[in-house]
C-alpha atoms as a PDB file:
ATOM      1  CA  MET A   1      90.897 189.768 162.245  1.00  0.00           C
ATOM      2  CA  LYS A   2      87.495 190.364 160.867  1.00  0.00           C
ATOM      3  CA  ILE A   3      86.718 189.028 157.324  1.00  0.00           C
ATOM      4  CA  GLU A   4      85.968 192.425 156.107  1.00  0.00           C
ATOM      5  CA  GLU A   5      89.630 193.589 157.048  1.00  0.00           C
ATOM      6  CA  VAL A   6      90.853 190.430 155.107  1.00  0.00           C
ATOM      7  CA  GLN A   7      88.810 191.341 151.953  1.00  0.00           C
ATOM      8  CA  SER A   8      90.036 194.976 152.172  1.00  0.00           C
ATOM      9  CA  ARG A   9      93.657 193.936 152.268  1.00  0.00           C
ATOM     10  CA  ILE A  10      93.222 191.133 149.263  1.00  0.00           C
ATOM     11  CA  ALA A  11      91.524 194.082 147.194  1.00  0.00           C
ATOM     12  CA  GLU A  12      94.206 196.393 147.901  1.00  0.00           C
ATOM     13  CA  LEU A  13      97.094 194.005 147.152  1.00  0.00           C
ATOM     14  CA  LEU A  14      95.364 192.713 143.844  1.00  0.00           C
ATOM     15  CA  LYS A  15      95.540 196.259 142.496  1.00  0.00           C
ATOM     16  CA  LYS A  16      99.182 195.943 142.199  1.00  0.00           C
ATOM     17  CA  ASP A  17     101.111 194.806 139.140  1.00  0.00           C
ATOM     18  CA  VAL A  18     103.031 191.620 138.866  1.00  0.00           C
ATOM     19  CA  PRO A  19     105.882 191.180 136.412  1.00  0.00           C
ATOM     20  CA  PHE A  20     104.502 188.328 134.607  1.00  0.00           C
ATOM     21  CA  SER A  21     102.066 188.150 131.775  1.00  0.00           C
ATOM     22  CA  GLN A  22      99.034 185.932 131.843  1.00  0.00           C
ATOM     23  CA  LYS A  23     100.722 183.328 129.723  1.00  0.00           C
ATOM     24  CA  GLU A  24     103.786 183.100 131.806  1.00  0.00           C
ATOM     25  CA  MET A  25     101.646 182.729 134.997  1.00  0.00           C
ATOM     26  CA  CYS A  26      99.607 180.072 133.464  1.00  0.00           C
ATOM     27  CA  ALA A  27     102.698 178.243 132.462  1.00  0.00           C
ATOM     28  CA  LYS A  28     104.289 178.369 136.055  1.00  0.00           C
ATOM     29  CA  MET A  29     100.941 177.392 137.676  1.00  0.00           C
ATOM     30  CA  LEU A  30     100.653 174.325 135.430  1.00  0.00           C
ATOM     31  CA  SER A  31     103.979 173.193 136.906  1.00  0.00           C
ATOM     32  CA  PHE A  32     102.515 173.718 140.332  1.00  0.00           C
ATOM     33  CA  ILE A  33      99.523 171.541 139.886  1.00  0.00           C
ATOM     34  CA  ASP A  34      98.879 168.316 141.952  1.00  0.00           C
ATOM     35  CA  LEU A  35      96.826 166.636 139.216  1.00  0.00           C
ATOM     36  CA  THR A  36      94.147 164.945 141.423  1.00  0.00           C
ATOM     37  CA  THR A  37      91.384 162.333 141.316  1.00  0.00           C
ATOM     38  CA  LEU A  38      89.665 161.652 144.523  1.00  0.00           C
ATOM     39  CA  ASP A  39      86.386 159.842 143.383  1.00  0.00           C
ATOM     40  CA  GLY A  40      84.539 156.633 144.598  1.00  0.00           C
ATOM     41  CA  MET A  41      84.385 155.619 140.867  1.00  0.00           C
ATOM     42  CA  ASP A  42      87.914 155.921 140.342  1.00  0.00           C
ATOM     43  CA  THR A  43      89.667 153.032 138.502  1.00  0.00           C
ATOM     44  CA  ARG A  44      93.121 151.733 137.494  1.00  0.00           C
ATOM     45  CA  LYS A  45      92.399 153.002 133.918  1.00  0.00           C
ATOM     46  CA  LYS A  46      91.341 156.530 135.158  1.00  0.00           C
ATOM     47  CA  VAL A  47      94.496 156.803 137.347  1.00  0.00           C
ATOM     48  CA  ALA A  48      96.682 155.626 134.365  1.00  0.00           C
ATOM     49  CA  ASP A  49      95.312 157.899 132.101  1.00  0.00           C
ATOM     50  CA  LEU A  50      95.983 160.777 134.910  1.00  0.00           C
ATOM     51  CA  CYS A  51      99.470 159.889 135.229  1.00  0.00           C
ATOM     52  CA  GLN A  52     100.057 159.981 131.404  1.00  0.00           C
ATOM     53  CA  LYS A  53      98.422 163.520 131.643  1.00  0.00           C
ATOM     54  CA  ALA A  54     100.770 164.591 134.323  1.00  0.00           C
ATOM     55  CA  LYS A  55     103.821 163.286 132.293  1.00  0.00           C
ATOM     56  CA  GLU A  56     102.575 165.326 129.266  1.00  0.00           C
ATOM     57  CA  TYR A  57     101.753 168.390 131.061  1.00  0.00           C
ATOM     58  CA  ARG A  58     104.856 168.354 133.386  1.00  0.00           C
ATOM     59  CA  THR A  59     102.648 168.851 136.694  1.00  0.00           C
ATOM     60  CA  ALA A  60     104.245 168.768 139.985  1.00  0.00           C
ATOM     61  CA  ALA A  61     102.293 165.601 141.493  1.00  0.00           C
ATOM     62  CA  VAL A  62      99.571 163.017 140.921  1.00  0.00           C
ATOM     63  CA  CYS A  63      97.252 162.928 143.963  1.00  0.00           C
ATOM     64  CA  VAL A  64      95.185 159.802 144.676  1.00  0.00           C
ATOM     65  CA  TYR A  65      93.623 157.419 147.156  1.00  0.00           C
ATOM     66  CA  PRO A  66      96.054 155.149 148.857  1.00  0.00           C
ATOM     67  CA  PHE A  67      94.956 151.925 146.821  1.00  0.00           C
ATOM     68  CA  TYR A  68      96.437 153.554 143.989  1.00  0.00           C
ATOM     69  CA  ALA A  69      99.855 154.716 145.408  1.00  0.00           C
ATOM     70  CA  ALA A  70     101.992 151.654 143.943  1.00  0.00           C
ATOM     71  CA  GLN A  71     100.275 152.037 140.594  1.00  0.00           C
ATOM     72  CA  VAL A  72     101.082 155.888 140.624  1.00  0.00           C
ATOM     73  CA  LYS A  73     104.553 155.363 141.878  1.00  0.00           C
ATOM     74  CA  GLU A  74     105.459 152.971 139.205  1.00  0.00           C
ATOM     75  CA  ALA A  75     103.896 155.013 136.425  1.00  0.00           C
ATOM     76  CA  LEU A  76     105.853 158.051 137.411  1.00  0.00           C
ATOM     77  CA  GLN A  77     109.092 156.213 137.943  1.00  0.00           C
ATOM     78  CA  GLY A  78     111.713 158.660 136.333  1.00  0.00           C
ATOM     79  CA  SER A  79     109.530 161.624 135.615  1.00  0.00           C
ATOM     80  CA  GLY A  80     110.283 163.703 138.752  1.00  0.00           C
ATOM     81  CA  ILE A  81     106.725 163.993 139.234  1.00  0.00           C
ATOM     82  CA  GLN A  82     105.697 163.226 142.867  1.00  0.00           C
ATOM     83  CA  THR A  83     103.177 160.559 144.288  1.00  0.00           C
ATOM     84  CA  ALA A  84     100.876 162.153 146.492  1.00  0.00           C
ATOM     85  CA  CYS A  85      98.179 160.394 148.491  1.00  0.00           C
ATOM     86  CA  VAL A  86      95.372 161.607 150.882  1.00  0.00           C
ATOM     87  CA  ALA A  87      95.666 159.341 154.026  1.00  0.00           C
ATOM     88  CA  GLY A  88      94.985 159.489 157.721  1.00  0.00           C
ATOM     89  CA  GLY A  89      91.235 159.398 157.496  1.00  0.00           C
ATOM     90  CA  PHE A  90      90.595 161.554 154.325  1.00  0.00           C
ATOM     91  CA  PRO A  91      88.156 163.580 154.126  1.00  0.00           C
ATOM     92  CA  ALA A  92      86.485 163.794 157.463  1.00  0.00           C
ATOM     93  CA  SER A  93      89.497 162.696 159.600  1.00  0.00           C
ATOM     94  CA  GLN A  94      87.054 160.960 162.047  1.00  0.00           C
ATOM     95  CA  LEU A  95      89.229 157.881 162.821  1.00  0.00           C
ATOM     96  CA  PRO A  96      91.070 156.920 165.943  1.00  0.00           C
ATOM     97  CA  LEU A  97      94.791 158.157 165.736  1.00  0.00           C
ATOM     98  CA  ARG A  98      96.066 154.418 165.650  1.00  0.00           C
ATOM     99  CA  THR A  99      93.922 153.879 162.359  1.00  0.00           C
ATOM    100  CA  LYS A 100      95.239 156.880 160.830  1.00  0.00           C
ATOM    101  CA  LEU A 101      98.758 155.897 161.383  1.00  0.00           C
ATOM    102  CA  PHE A 102      98.258 152.502 160.076  1.00  0.00           C
ATOM    103  CA  GLU A 103      96.641 154.042 156.817  1.00  0.00           C
ATOM    104  CA  VAL A 104      99.611 156.436 156.427  1.00  0.00           C
ATOM    105  CA  GLU A 105     102.229 153.746 157.172  1.00  0.00           C
ATOM    106  CA  GLN A 106     100.835 151.499 154.568  1.00  0.00           C
ATOM    107  CA  THR A 107     100.493 154.322 151.958  1.00  0.00           C
ATOM    108  CA  LEU A 108     104.083 155.315 152.416  1.00  0.00           C
ATOM    109  CA  ALA A 109     105.267 151.719 152.164  1.00  0.00           C
ATOM    110  CA  ASP A 110     103.170 151.431 148.887  1.00  0.00           C
ATOM    111  CA  GLY A 111     105.457 154.422 147.538  1.00  0.00           C
ATOM    112  CA  ALA A 112     103.822 157.613 148.206  1.00  0.00           C
ATOM    113  CA  ASP A 113     106.327 160.499 148.268  1.00  0.00           C
ATOM    114  CA  GLU A 114     103.901 162.978 149.837  1.00  0.00           C
ATOM    115  CA  ILE A 115     100.960 162.644 152.199  1.00  0.00           C
ATOM    116  CA  ASP A 116      97.828 164.989 152.338  1.00  0.00           C
ATOM    117  CA  MET A 117      96.237 164.647 155.791  1.00  0.00           C
ATOM    118  CA  VAL A 118      93.027 166.502 157.343  1.00  0.00           C
ATOM    119  CA  ILE A 119      93.308 167.950 160.817  1.00  0.00           C
ATOM    120  CA  SER A 120      90.657 166.794 163.283  1.00  0.00           C
ATOM    121  CA  GLN A 121      88.305 169.594 162.535  1.00  0.00           C
ATOM    122  CA  GLY A 122      85.624 168.524 165.322  1.00  0.00           C
ATOM    123  CA  ALA A 123      88.623 168.595 168.191  1.00  0.00           C
ATOM    124  CA  PHE A 124      89.820 171.959 166.688  1.00  0.00           C
ATOM    125  CA  LEU A 125      86.181 173.345 166.991  1.00  0.00           C
ATOM    126  CA  GLU A 126      85.769 172.032 170.652  1.00  0.00           C
ATOM    127  CA  GLY A 127      89.089 173.550 171.548  1.00  0.00           C
ATOM    128  CA  ASP A 128      91.111 170.315 171.877  1.00  0.00           C
ATOM    129  CA  TYR A 129      94.111 172.061 170.017  1.00  0.00           C
ATOM    130  CA  LYS A 130      96.518 169.478 171.716  1.00  0.00           C
ATOM    131  CA  ARG A 131      94.873 166.488 169.967  1.00  0.00           C
ATOM    132  CA  VAL A 132      94.961 168.400 166.556  1.00  0.00           C
ATOM    133  CA  GLY A 133      98.703 169.063 167.207  1.00  0.00           C
ATOM    134  CA  ASP A 134      99.608 165.582 168.414  1.00  0.00           C
ATOM    135  CA  GLU A 135      97.978 163.975 165.465  1.00  0.00           C
ATOM    136  CA  VAL A 136     100.019 166.126 162.811  1.00  0.00           C
ATOM    137  CA  LYS A 137     103.147 165.405 164.805  1.00  0.00           C
ATOM    138  CA  ALA A 138     102.592 161.745 164.927  1.00  0.00           C
ATOM    139  CA  ILE A 139     101.996 161.529 161.144  1.00  0.00           C
ATOM    140  CA  LYS A 140     104.863 163.846 160.206  1.00  0.00           C
ATOM    141  CA  GLU A 141     107.052 161.537 162.372  1.00  0.00           C
ATOM    142  CA  LEU A 142     105.947 158.508 160.104  1.00  0.00           C
ATOM    143  CA  CYS A 143     106.532 160.759 156.983  1.00  0.00           C
ATOM    144  CA  GLY A 144     110.135 161.570 157.909  1.00  0.00           C
ATOM    145  CA  MET A 145     111.868 163.484 154.964  1.00  0.00           C
ATOM    146  CA  ARG A 146     108.640 163.014 152.939  1.00  0.00           C
ATOM    147  CA  ARG A 147     106.248 165.785 152.529  1.00  0.00           C
ATOM    148  CA  LEU A 148     103.229 166.318 154.708  1.00  0.00           C
ATOM    149  CA  LYS A 149     100.504 168.468 153.626  1.00  0.00           C
ATOM    150  CA  VAL A 150      98.022 169.292 156.118  1.00  0.00           C
ATOM    151  CA  ILE A 151      94.515 170.236 155.220  1.00  0.00           C
ATOM    152  CA  LEU A 152      92.956 172.840 157.276  1.00  0.00           C
ATOM    153  CA  GLU A 153      89.520 172.512 155.792  1.00  0.00           C
ATOM    154  CA  THR A 154      89.019 176.185 156.016  1.00  0.00           C
ATOM    155  CA  GLY A 155      85.463 176.432 154.799  1.00  0.00           C
ATOM    156  CA  ASN A 156      84.581 174.553 158.065  1.00  0.00           C
ATOM    157  CA  LEU A 157      86.626 176.645 160.393  1.00  0.00           C
ATOM    158  CA  GLY A 158      84.468 179.805 160.293  1.00  0.00           C
ATOM    159  CA  THR A 159      86.668 182.599 161.264  1.00  0.00           C
ATOM    160  CA  PRO A 160      90.151 184.128 160.034  1.00  0.00           C
ATOM    161  CA  ASP A 161      91.110 183.816 163.640  1.00  0.00           C
ATOM    162  CA  ASN A 162      90.448 179.952 163.457  1.00  0.00           C
ATOM    163  CA  ILE A 163      92.315 179.720 160.287  1.00  0.00           C
ATOM    164  CA  GLU A 164      95.322 181.476 161.682  1.00  0.00           C
ATOM    165  CA  LYS A 165      95.388 179.412 164.702  1.00  0.00           C
ATOM    166  CA  ALA A 166      94.939 176.039 162.881  1.00  0.00           C
ATOM    167  CA  SER A 167      97.772 177.119 160.205  1.00  0.00           C
ATOM    168  CA  CYS A 168     100.199 177.836 163.458  1.00  0.00           C
ATOM    169  CA  ILE A 169      99.187 174.510 165.219  1.00  0.00           C
ATOM    170  CA  SER A 170     100.040 172.524 162.104  1.00  0.00           C
ATOM    171  CA  ILE A 171     103.252 174.312 161.307  1.00  0.00           C
ATOM    172  CA  ASP A 172     104.541 174.050 164.839  1.00  0.00           C
ATOM    173  CA  ASN A 173     103.833 170.181 164.579  1.00  0.00           C
ATOM    174  CA  GLY A 174     105.716 169.612 161.538  1.00  0.00           C
ATOM    175  CA  ALA A 175     103.521 170.589 158.408  1.00  0.00           C
ATOM    176  CA  ASP A 176     105.661 170.864 155.355  1.00  0.00           C
ATOM    177  CA  PHE A 177     102.621 172.365 153.449  1.00  0.00           C
ATOM    178  CA  ILE A 178      99.355 174.052 154.701  1.00  0.00           C
ATOM    179  CA  LYS A 179      96.481 173.436 152.397  1.00  0.00           C
ATOM    180  CA  THR A 180      93.103 174.894 152.380  1.00  0.00           C
ATOM    181  CA  SER A 181      90.453 172.211 151.670  1.00  0.00           C
ATOM    182  CA  THR A 182      89.679 168.604 150.428  1.00  0.00           C
ATOM    183  CA  GLY A 183      87.430 169.899 147.956  1.00  0.00           C
ATOM    184  CA  LYS A 184      84.626 167.776 149.591  1.00  0.00           C
ATOM    185  CA  THR A 185      82.756 170.409 151.512  1.00  0.00           C
ATOM    186  CA  ALA A 186      80.372 173.232 150.657  1.00  0.00           C
ATOM    187  CA  VAL A 187      82.982 175.860 150.831  1.00  0.00           C
ATOM    188  CA  SER A 188      86.575 174.983 149.615  1.00  0.00           C
ATOM    189  CA  ALA A 189      89.440 177.306 148.714  1.00  0.00           C
ATOM    190  CA  THR A 190      88.843 180.985 149.063  1.00  0.00           C
ATOM    191  CA  LEU A 191      91.127 183.999 148.672  1.00  0.00           C
ATOM    192  CA  GLU A 192      90.273 185.205 152.188  1.00  0.00           C
ATOM    193  CA  ALA A 193      91.324 181.898 153.770  1.00  0.00           C
ATOM    194  CA  PHE A 194      94.474 181.814 151.696  1.00  0.00           C
ATOM    195  CA  TYR A 195      95.343 185.208 152.565  1.00  0.00           C
ATOM    196  CA  VAL A 196      95.255 184.271 156.223  1.00  0.00           C
ATOM    197  CA  MET A 197      97.486 181.377 155.726  1.00  0.00           C
ATOM    198  CA  LEU A 198      99.894 183.163 153.590  1.00  0.00           C
ATOM    199  CA  ASP A 199     100.261 185.859 156.432  1.00  0.00           C
ATOM    200  CA  VAL A 200     101.004 183.112 158.830  1.00  0.00           C
ATOM    201  CA  VAL A 201     103.706 181.479 156.494  1.00  0.00           C
ATOM    202  CA  LYS A 202     105.218 185.089 156.047  1.00  0.00           C
ATOM    203  CA  ARG A 203     105.699 185.350 159.753  1.00  0.00           C
ATOM    204  CA  TYR A 204     107.410 182.067 160.100  1.00  0.00           C
ATOM    205  CA  ALA A 205     109.435 182.855 157.152  1.00  0.00           C
ATOM    206  CA  ALA A 206     110.784 185.888 158.918  1.00  0.00           C
ATOM    207  CA  GLN A 207     111.984 183.677 161.632  1.00  0.00           C
ATOM    208  CA  GLY A 208     113.596 181.284 159.205  1.00  0.00           C
ATOM    209  CA  HIS A 209     110.852 178.631 159.072  1.00  0.00           C
ATOM    210  CA  ILE A 210     110.067 177.823 155.497  1.00  0.00           C
ATOM    211  CA  VAL A 211     106.496 176.420 155.002  1.00  0.00           C
ATOM    212  CA  SER A 212     104.772 175.714 151.710  1.00  0.00           C
ATOM    213  CA  VAL A 213     101.205 176.527 150.531  1.00  0.00           C
ATOM    214  CA  LYS A 214      98.519 174.918 148.748  1.00  0.00           C
ATOM    215  CA  PRO A 215      95.056 176.074 147.610  1.00  0.00           C
ATOM    216  CA  ALA A 216      92.907 173.396 146.736  1.00  0.00           C
ATOM    217  CA  GLY A 217      89.098 172.595 145.963  1.00  0.00           C
ATOM    218  CA  GLY A 218      87.017 174.707 143.375  1.00  0.00           C
ATOM    219  CA  ILE A 219      89.597 176.264 141.710  1.00  0.00           C
ATOM    220  CA  SER A 220      88.834 175.404 137.843  1.00  0.00           C
ATOM    221  CA  THR A 221      89.544 178.319 135.723  1.00  0.00           C
ATOM    222  CA  VAL A 222      92.391 180.769 134.720  1.00  0.00           C
ATOM    223  CA  GLU A 223      90.538 183.617 136.220  1.00  0.00           C
ATOM    224  CA  GLU A 224      89.918 182.059 139.409  1.00  0.00           C
ATOM    225  CA  ALA A 225      93.636 180.691 139.669  1.00  0.00           C
ATOM    226  CA  ILE A 226      95.430 184.015 138.840  1.00  0.00           C
ATOM    227  CA  PRO A 227      94.540 185.813 142.056  1.00  0.00           C
ATOM    228  CA  TYR A 228      96.134 182.890 144.178  1.00  0.00           C
ATOM    229  CA  PHE A 229      99.278 183.051 141.988  1.00  0.00           C
ATOM    230  CA  LYS A 230      99.160 186.984 142.632  1.00  0.00           C
ATOM    231  CA  LEU A 231      98.861 186.762 146.401  1.00  0.00           C
ATOM    232  CA  VAL A 232     101.851 184.409 146.774  1.00  0.00           C
ATOM    233  CA  TYR A 233     104.013 186.594 144.718  1.00  0.00           C
ATOM    234  CA  LEU A 234     103.037 189.844 146.479  1.00  0.00           C
ATOM    235  CA  MET A 235     103.030 188.477 149.934  1.00  0.00           C
ATOM    236  CA  LEU A 236     105.940 185.890 149.967  1.00  0.00           C
ATOM    237  CA  GLY A 237     107.889 186.817 146.843  1.00  0.00           C
ATOM    238  CA  GLU A 238     109.254 185.137 143.711  1.00  0.00           C
ATOM    239  CA  GLU A 239     111.202 182.628 145.836  1.00  0.00           C
ATOM    240  CA  TRP A 240     107.693 180.760 146.525  1.00  0.00           C
ATOM    241  CA  LEU A 241     106.937 180.609 142.797  1.00  0.00           C
ATOM    242  CA  ASN A 242     108.030 176.864 142.521  1.00  0.00           C
ATOM    243  CA  ASN A 243     106.479 173.577 143.187  1.00  0.00           C
ATOM    244  CA  SER A 244     108.608 172.877 146.357  1.00  0.00           C
ATOM    245  CA  ARG A 245     106.661 175.816 147.889  1.00  0.00           C
ATOM    246  CA  PHE A 246     103.460 176.385 146.045  1.00  0.00           C
ATOM    247  CA  ARG A 247     101.028 173.835 144.822  1.00  0.00           C
ATOM    248  CA  ILE A 248      97.563 174.013 143.469  1.00  0.00           C
ATOM    249  CA  GLY A 249      95.115 170.996 143.963  1.00  0.00           C
ATOM    250  CA  ALA A 250      93.006 170.673 140.795  1.00  0.00           C
ATOM    251  CA  SER A 251      91.816 168.471 138.178  1.00  0.00           C
ATOM    252  CA  ARG A 252      89.946 170.726 135.828  1.00  0.00           C
ATOM    253  CA  LEU A 253      92.175 173.517 136.004  1.00  0.00           C
ATOM    254  CA  ALA A 254      95.208 171.739 134.228  1.00  0.00           C
ATOM    255  CA  GLU A 255      93.376 171.824 130.871  1.00  0.00           C
ATOM    256  CA  ALA A 256      92.601 175.407 130.985  1.00  0.00           C
ATOM    257  CA  LEU A 257      96.081 176.412 132.337  1.00  0.00           C
ATOM    258  CA  ARG A 258      97.813 174.330 129.365  1.00  0.00           C
ATOM    259  CA  THR A 259      95.653 175.924 126.787  1.00  0.00           C
ATOM    260  CA  ALA A 260      96.352 179.413 128.045  1.00  0.00           C
ATOM    261  CA  SER A 261     100.067 178.911 128.183  1.00  0.00           C
ATOM    262  CA  LEU A 262     100.435 177.890 124.769  1.00  0.00           C
END
């Protein structure tokens, strides 16, 4: 599939009406947020403040580095908000598998409910699809019933066909979510990449295999977020409009959504 074809399909879809006001869409999206801080200058105070904000805004999860897993788990206890952690060599994924597994295992032991991992992009780009799939499978085996979000880093994959293939490899090896980006690269979430991922998810859903989706990275305004919401509704239906099947990775977006939903 060529990028021009993807762009044309998106443009046609987004001409359609959806049965929600902007206020309703913003309120729903606020509950889909993985409120995130992934900064080298993160502190316990910053993480504590983020957890308090998540409880006030009723977001889906708080996503942090593994060091803060236990703190977040304790702070969110009884709230229903998930403790999500990046692990497995985030963001470059350039570690031996045994090291990735050790990090994931420790993060789960510290209380993470969800793991966000990144595929080995170098392996993918050189055609070593088996390594990519084997790593997803091994990490999912550690996660068990806890959710595994697999980050494709779509901005680095180059083509719609690569994004489609990476999506399929991830799903076939146990991904509960497929996610666009780490937010650490020049190109993060785009509607084009997200459309391709949704198209794959739609095909799997038709076979009875339900997979969740998460755009992340660079989505910071209501105007940027709404087209992602509309694409999910128009391609997958209203049953995907909940935080078990649709998340948005963001930090700045939450404030804008809350203001727009009041």
